[in-house]
Amino acid sequence: MYRIKTSGVCASEIHFDIEGDKIKKVEFIGGCPGNAIGLSNMIVGQSVTEVIKRLRDVKCGGKNTSCPSQLALALEAYL
């Protein structure tokens, strides 16, 4: 399992597992539980590159980033 510290968002960490080129599991530590669980459920089984493409530039309120965007950055670093 990969673990990353986030920056500028409510979640303090994101944990994820990758199998081949597919996302196997994602867990956000902190943040909005319903949104985090919903997002995690939607991207499990998706390709890493597709998830990066869809989530990379998502913003949260007036912030320049978001939990989904932080996940995309972590997945890019994984690649």
Protein backbone atom coordinates (compact mmCIF):
# COMPACT_ATOMS: atom_id res chain seq x y z
CA MET A 1 0.00 0.00 0.00
CA TYR A 2 1.27 3.46 -0.94
CA ARG A 3 0.76 6.33 1.49
CA ILE A 4 1.08 10.02 0.72
CA LYS A 5 0.72 13.14 2.85
CA THR A 6 -1.58 15.66 1.25
CA SER A 7 -1.18 19.43 1.06
CA GLY A 8 -3.85 22.13 1.13
CA VAL A 9 -6.84 19.81 1.62
CA CYS A 10 -8.92 18.43 4.49
CA ALA A 11 -7.69 14.84 4.15
CA SER A 12 -4.28 14.43 5.79
CA GLU A 13 -3.22 11.31 3.85
CA ILE A 14 -4.25 9.12 0.96
CA HIS A 15 -3.52 5.38 0.91
CA PHE A 16 -3.81 3.40 -2.31
CA ASP A 17 -3.01 0.03 -3.85
CA ILE A 18 -2.31 -0.54 -7.54
CA GLU A 19 -2.41 -3.90 -9.31
CA GLY A 20 -0.99 -3.83 -12.82
CA ASP A 21 -2.32 -0.56 -14.22
CA LYS A 22 -5.58 -0.64 -12.22
CA ILE A 23 -6.46 0.98 -8.94
CA LYS A 24 -7.25 -1.73 -6.42
CA LYS A 25 -8.04 0.34 -3.30
CA VAL A 26 -8.11 4.00 -2.20
CA GLU A 27 -8.59 5.36 1.31
CA PHE A 28 -8.65 9.02 2.30
CA ILE A 29 -7.65 9.76 5.90
CA GLY A 30 -9.75 12.67 7.14
CA GLY A 31 -11.76 15.00 4.96
CA CYS A 32 -15.38 14.49 3.88
CA PRO A 33 -16.15 10.81 4.53
CA GLY A 34 -19.08 10.47 2.13
CA ASN A 35 -17.30 12.12 -0.78
CA ALA A 36 -14.08 10.20 -0.11
CA ILE A 37 -15.86 6.84 0.04
CA GLY A 38 -17.92 7.67 -3.06
CA LEU A 39 -14.85 8.71 -5.05
CA SER A 40 -12.93 5.64 -3.90
CA ASN A 41 -15.76 3.32 -4.92
CA MET A 42 -16.00 4.97 -8.35
CA ILE A 43 -12.32 4.69 -9.26
CA VAL A 44 -11.54 1.16 -8.02
CA GLY A 45 -10.88 -0.95 -11.11
CA GLN A 46 -10.07 2.08 -13.28
CA SER A 47 -6.71 2.57 -14.98
CA VAL A 48 -4.22 4.81 -13.21
CA THR A 49 -3.75 7.02 -16.28
CA GLU A 50 -7.50 7.51 -16.76
CA VAL A 51 -7.99 8.50 -13.11
CA ILE A 52 -5.09 10.97 -13.33
CA LYS A 53 -6.60 12.51 -16.46
CA ARG A 54 -10.03 12.92 -14.85
CA LEU A 55 -8.97 14.16 -11.40
CA ARG A 56 -5.78 16.17 -11.92
CA ASP A 57 -7.29 19.66 -12.18
CA VAL A 58 -10.28 19.33 -9.81
CA LYS A 59 -10.51 22.29 -7.43
CA CYS A 60 -12.28 22.46 -4.04
CA GLY A 61 -13.99 25.75 -3.27
CA GLY A 62 -11.46 28.58 -3.53
CA LYS A 63 -8.47 26.24 -3.21
CA ASN A 64 -6.09 25.50 -6.07
CA THR A 65 -6.30 21.78 -5.28
CA SER A 66 -8.64 19.12 -3.88
CA CYS A 67 -8.50 15.61 -2.46
CA PRO A 68 -9.10 14.15 -5.95
CA SER A 69 -6.34 16.35 -7.39
CA GLN A 70 -3.96 15.31 -4.60
CA LEU A 71 -4.70 11.67 -5.47
CA ALA A 72 -3.92 12.37 -9.14
CA LEU A 73 -0.59 13.93 -8.16
CA ALA A 74 0.23 10.90 -5.99
CA LEU A 75 -0.64 8.53 -8.83
CA GLU A 76 1.60 10.51 -11.20
CA ALA A 77 4.44 10.18 -8.70
CA TYR A 78 3.72 6.44 -8.51
CA LEU A 79 4.14 6.10 -12.28
